[in-house]
């Protein structure tokens, strides 16, 4: 009888981080979309959204959520 192989912890953490990053990214994109809809059309070109900061925030939140979700193994 074959013994099941234990999955790599690094692989699990990377997969969890990717899932949370995508989920949080969708939330942020929806928020930005709704915000831009509320800005008058003639002012939209003046709106500046720091996407690099948004991406850093998204990745940071994803990693924190992975830590919380995976906390029992740490």
N, C-alpha and C. Protein backbone atom coordinates (compact mmCIF):
# COMPACT_ATOMS: atom_id res chain seq x y z
N UNK A 1 0.85 -1.17 0.00
CA UNK A 1 0.00 0.00 0.00
C UNK A 1 0.90 1.24 0.00
N UNK A 2 0.59 2.18 -0.86
CA UNK A 2 1.39 3.39 -1.00
C UNK A 2 1.09 4.36 0.14
N UNK A 3 2.14 4.98 0.62
CA UNK A 3 2.00 5.97 1.68
C UNK A 3 1.80 7.34 1.01
N UNK A 4 0.74 8.07 1.40
CA UNK A 4 0.52 9.39 0.79
C UNK A 4 1.66 10.34 1.12
N UNK A 5 2.07 11.10 0.12
CA UNK A 5 3.15 12.06 0.30
C UNK A 5 2.60 13.33 0.95
N UNK A 6 3.37 13.84 1.91
CA UNK A 6 2.97 15.09 2.55
C UNK A 6 3.25 16.25 1.59
N UNK A 7 2.29 17.14 1.44
CA UNK A 7 2.47 18.28 0.54
C UNK A 7 3.48 19.25 1.13
N UNK A 8 4.18 19.89 0.24
CA UNK A 8 5.17 20.89 0.64
C UNK A 8 4.49 22.07 1.32
N UNK A 9 4.99 22.46 2.47
CA UNK A 9 4.42 23.61 3.19
C UNK A 9 4.59 24.88 2.37
N UNK A 10 5.74 25.02 1.70
CA UNK A 10 5.98 26.21 0.89
C UNK A 10 4.96 26.30 -0.24
N UNK A 11 4.64 25.18 -0.84
CA UNK A 11 3.65 25.16 -1.92
C UNK A 11 2.28 25.56 -1.41
N UNK A 12 1.92 25.07 -0.24
CA UNK A 12 0.63 25.42 0.35
C UNK A 12 0.55 26.90 0.67
N UNK A 13 1.60 27.45 1.24
CA UNK A 13 1.62 28.87 1.60
C UNK A 13 1.55 29.72 0.34
N UNK A 14 2.29 29.34 -0.70
CA UNK A 14 2.26 30.10 -1.95
C UNK A 14 0.87 30.07 -2.58
N UNK A 15 0.23 28.92 -2.54
CA UNK A 15 -1.12 28.80 -3.11
C UNK A 15 -2.12 29.62 -2.30
N UNK A 16 -2.04 29.56 -0.98
CA UNK A 16 -2.93 30.36 -0.14
C UNK A 16 -2.71 31.85 -0.38
N UNK A 17 -1.45 32.26 -0.47
CA UNK A 17 -1.16 33.68 -0.71
C UNK A 17 -1.71 34.12 -2.06
N UNK A 18 -1.57 33.28 -3.07
CA UNK A 18 -2.10 33.63 -4.39
C UNK A 18 -3.62 33.76 -4.35
N UNK A 19 -4.28 32.84 -3.66
CA UNK A 19 -5.75 32.91 -3.57
C UNK A 19 -6.20 34.18 -2.85
N UNK A 20 -5.57 34.48 -1.72
CA UNK A 20 -5.95 35.68 -0.97
C UNK A 20 -5.62 36.94 -1.75
N UNK A 21 -4.49 36.94 -2.47
CA UNK A 21 -4.10 38.10 -3.25
C UNK A 21 -5.14 38.38 -4.34
N UNK A 22 -5.59 37.33 -5.01
CA UNK A 22 -6.62 37.49 -6.04
C UNK A 22 -7.92 37.99 -5.43
N UNK A 23 -8.32 37.38 -4.32
CA UNK A 23 -9.58 37.78 -3.68
C UNK A 23 -9.53 39.24 -3.23
N UNK A 24 -8.45 39.63 -2.60
CA UNK A 24 -8.32 41.01 -2.14
C UNK A 24 -8.21 41.95 -3.33
N UNK A 25 -7.53 41.53 -4.39
CA UNK A 25 -7.41 42.34 -5.60
C UNK A 25 -8.77 42.63 -6.22
N UNK A 26 -9.65 41.65 -6.21
CA UNK A 26 -11.00 41.84 -6.74
C UNK A 26 -11.76 42.87 -5.91
N UNK A 27 -11.61 42.79 -4.60
CA UNK A 27 -12.27 43.76 -3.72
C UNK A 27 -11.75 45.17 -3.99
N UNK A 28 -10.44 45.30 -4.10
CA UNK A 28 -9.84 46.62 -4.34
C UNK A 28 -10.26 47.15 -5.71
N UNK A 29 -10.25 46.30 -6.73
CA UNK A 29 -10.65 46.74 -8.07
C UNK A 29 -12.11 47.20 -8.08
N UNK A 30 -12.96 46.49 -7.37
CA UNK A 30 -14.37 46.87 -7.28
C UNK A 30 -14.52 48.22 -6.59
N UNK A 31 -13.77 48.40 -5.51
CA UNK A 31 -13.80 49.68 -4.79
C UNK A 31 -13.35 50.83 -5.70
N UNK A 32 -12.25 50.63 -6.42
CA UNK A 32 -11.74 51.67 -7.32
C UNK A 32 -12.76 51.98 -8.41
N UNK A 33 -13.38 50.94 -8.97
CA UNK A 33 -14.39 51.13 -10.01
C UNK A 33 -15.57 51.95 -9.49
N UNK A 34 -16.05 51.59 -8.31
CA UNK A 34 -17.19 52.32 -7.72
C UNK A 34 -16.79 53.77 -7.39
N UNK A 35 -15.57 53.95 -6.93
CA UNK A 35 -15.10 55.30 -6.63
C UNK A 35 -15.05 56.14 -7.91
N UNK A 36 -14.50 55.58 -8.98
CA UNK A 36 -14.41 56.34 -10.23
C UNK A 36 -15.78 56.66 -10.80
N UNK A 37 -16.76 55.79 -10.57
CA UNK A 37 -18.12 56.07 -11.03
C UNK A 37 -18.70 57.29 -10.29
N UNK A 38 -18.26 57.51 -9.06
CA UNK A 38 -18.79 58.63 -8.28
C UNK A 38 -18.12 59.96 -8.61
N UNK A 39 -16.99 59.90 -9.32
CA UNK A 39 -16.28 61.13 -9.69
C UNK A 39 -16.92 61.69 -10.97
N UNK A 40 -17.20 62.99 -11.00
CA UNK A 40 -17.74 63.56 -12.23
C UNK A 40 -16.82 63.29 -13.43
N UNK A 41 -17.43 63.07 -14.59
CA UNK A 41 -16.66 62.67 -15.77
C UNK A 41 -15.56 63.66 -16.13
N UNK A 42 -15.82 64.94 -15.98
CA UNK A 42 -14.81 65.94 -16.35
C UNK A 42 -13.63 65.98 -15.36
N UNK A 43 -13.77 65.35 -14.20
CA UNK A 43 -12.70 65.34 -13.19
C UNK A 43 -11.94 64.01 -13.15
N UNK A 44 -12.41 63.00 -13.87
CA UNK A 44 -11.79 61.67 -13.79
C UNK A 44 -10.33 61.67 -14.23
N UNK A 45 -9.98 62.50 -15.19
CA UNK A 45 -8.59 62.52 -15.66
C UNK A 45 -7.65 63.06 -14.58
N UNK A 46 -8.19 63.77 -13.60
CA UNK A 46 -7.37 64.32 -12.52
C UNK A 46 -7.15 63.32 -11.37
N UNK A 47 -7.93 62.25 -11.36
CA UNK A 47 -7.82 61.27 -10.28
C UNK A 47 -6.53 60.47 -10.45
N UNK A 48 -5.76 60.40 -9.39
CA UNK A 48 -4.52 59.62 -9.42
C UNK A 48 -4.63 58.49 -8.41
N UNK A 49 -4.49 57.28 -8.91
CA UNK A 49 -4.55 56.10 -8.04
C UNK A 49 -3.15 55.47 -8.03
N UNK A 50 -2.52 55.40 -6.87
CA UNK A 50 -1.16 54.83 -6.78
C UNK A 50 -1.20 53.30 -6.84
N UNK A 51 -1.21 52.76 -8.07
CA UNK A 51 -1.38 51.32 -8.23
C UNK A 51 -0.25 50.51 -7.61
N UNK A 52 0.97 51.06 -7.58
CA UNK A 52 2.06 50.32 -6.94
C UNK A 52 1.78 50.13 -5.45
N UNK A 53 1.23 51.16 -4.82
CA UNK A 53 0.87 51.04 -3.40
C UNK A 53 -0.29 50.07 -3.20
N UNK A 54 -1.23 50.09 -4.13
CA UNK A 54 -2.36 49.16 -4.05
C UNK A 54 -1.87 47.72 -4.15
N UNK A 55 -0.93 47.47 -5.06
CA UNK A 55 -0.39 46.12 -5.21
C UNK A 55 0.38 45.69 -3.96
N UNK A 56 1.16 46.59 -3.39
CA UNK A 56 1.89 46.27 -2.16
C UNK A 56 0.93 45.98 -1.02
N UNK A 57 -0.12 46.77 -0.91
CA UNK A 57 -1.12 46.55 0.12
C UNK A 57 -1.80 45.20 -0.07
N UNK A 58 -2.14 44.89 -1.31
CA UNK A 58 -2.81 43.62 -1.61
C UNK A 58 -1.92 42.44 -1.23
N UNK A 59 -0.65 42.51 -1.60
CA UNK A 59 0.27 41.42 -1.28
C UNK A 59 0.47 41.31 0.23
N UNK A 60 0.59 42.44 0.91
CA UNK A 60 0.76 42.42 2.36
C UNK A 60 -0.44 41.83 3.08
N UNK A 61 -1.63 42.20 2.63
CA UNK A 61 -2.85 41.65 3.23
C UNK A 61 -2.93 40.15 2.96
N UNK A 62 -2.60 39.74 1.75
CA UNK A 62 -2.63 38.31 1.42
C UNK A 62 -1.70 37.52 2.32
N UNK A 63 -0.49 38.01 2.53
CA UNK A 63 0.46 37.30 3.39
C UNK A 63 -0.02 37.26 4.84
N UNK A 64 -0.61 38.35 5.30
CA UNK A 64 -1.12 38.38 6.68
C UNK A 64 -2.27 37.38 6.84
N UNK A 65 -3.16 37.32 5.86
CA UNK A 65 -4.27 36.37 5.92
C UNK A 65 -3.77 34.93 5.90
N UNK A 66 -2.71 34.68 5.14
CA UNK A 66 -2.12 33.33 5.12
C UNK A 66 -1.55 33.01 6.49
N UNK A 67 -0.88 33.97 7.11
CA UNK A 67 -0.35 33.74 8.46
C UNK A 67 -1.47 33.41 9.43
N UNK A 68 -2.56 34.14 9.35
CA UNK A 68 -3.69 33.89 10.24
C UNK A 68 -4.34 32.54 9.96
N UNK A 69 -4.50 32.23 8.68
CA UNK A 69 -5.15 30.97 8.30
C UNK A 69 -4.27 29.78 8.63
N UNK A 70 -2.96 29.96 8.49
CA UNK A 70 -2.01 28.87 8.66
C UNK A 70 -1.38 28.91 10.06
N UNK A 71 -1.93 29.70 10.96
CA UNK A 71 -1.34 29.94 12.27
C UNK A 71 -1.19 28.72 13.15
N UNK A 72 -2.05 27.71 12.98
CA UNK A 72 -1.96 26.54 13.84
C UNK A 72 -0.74 25.69 13.54
N UNK A 73 -0.15 25.84 12.34
CA UNK A 73 1.03 25.06 11.98
C UNK A 73 2.32 25.79 12.31
N UNK A 74 2.24 27.08 12.60
CA UNK A 74 3.45 27.88 12.81
C UNK A 74 4.12 27.57 14.12
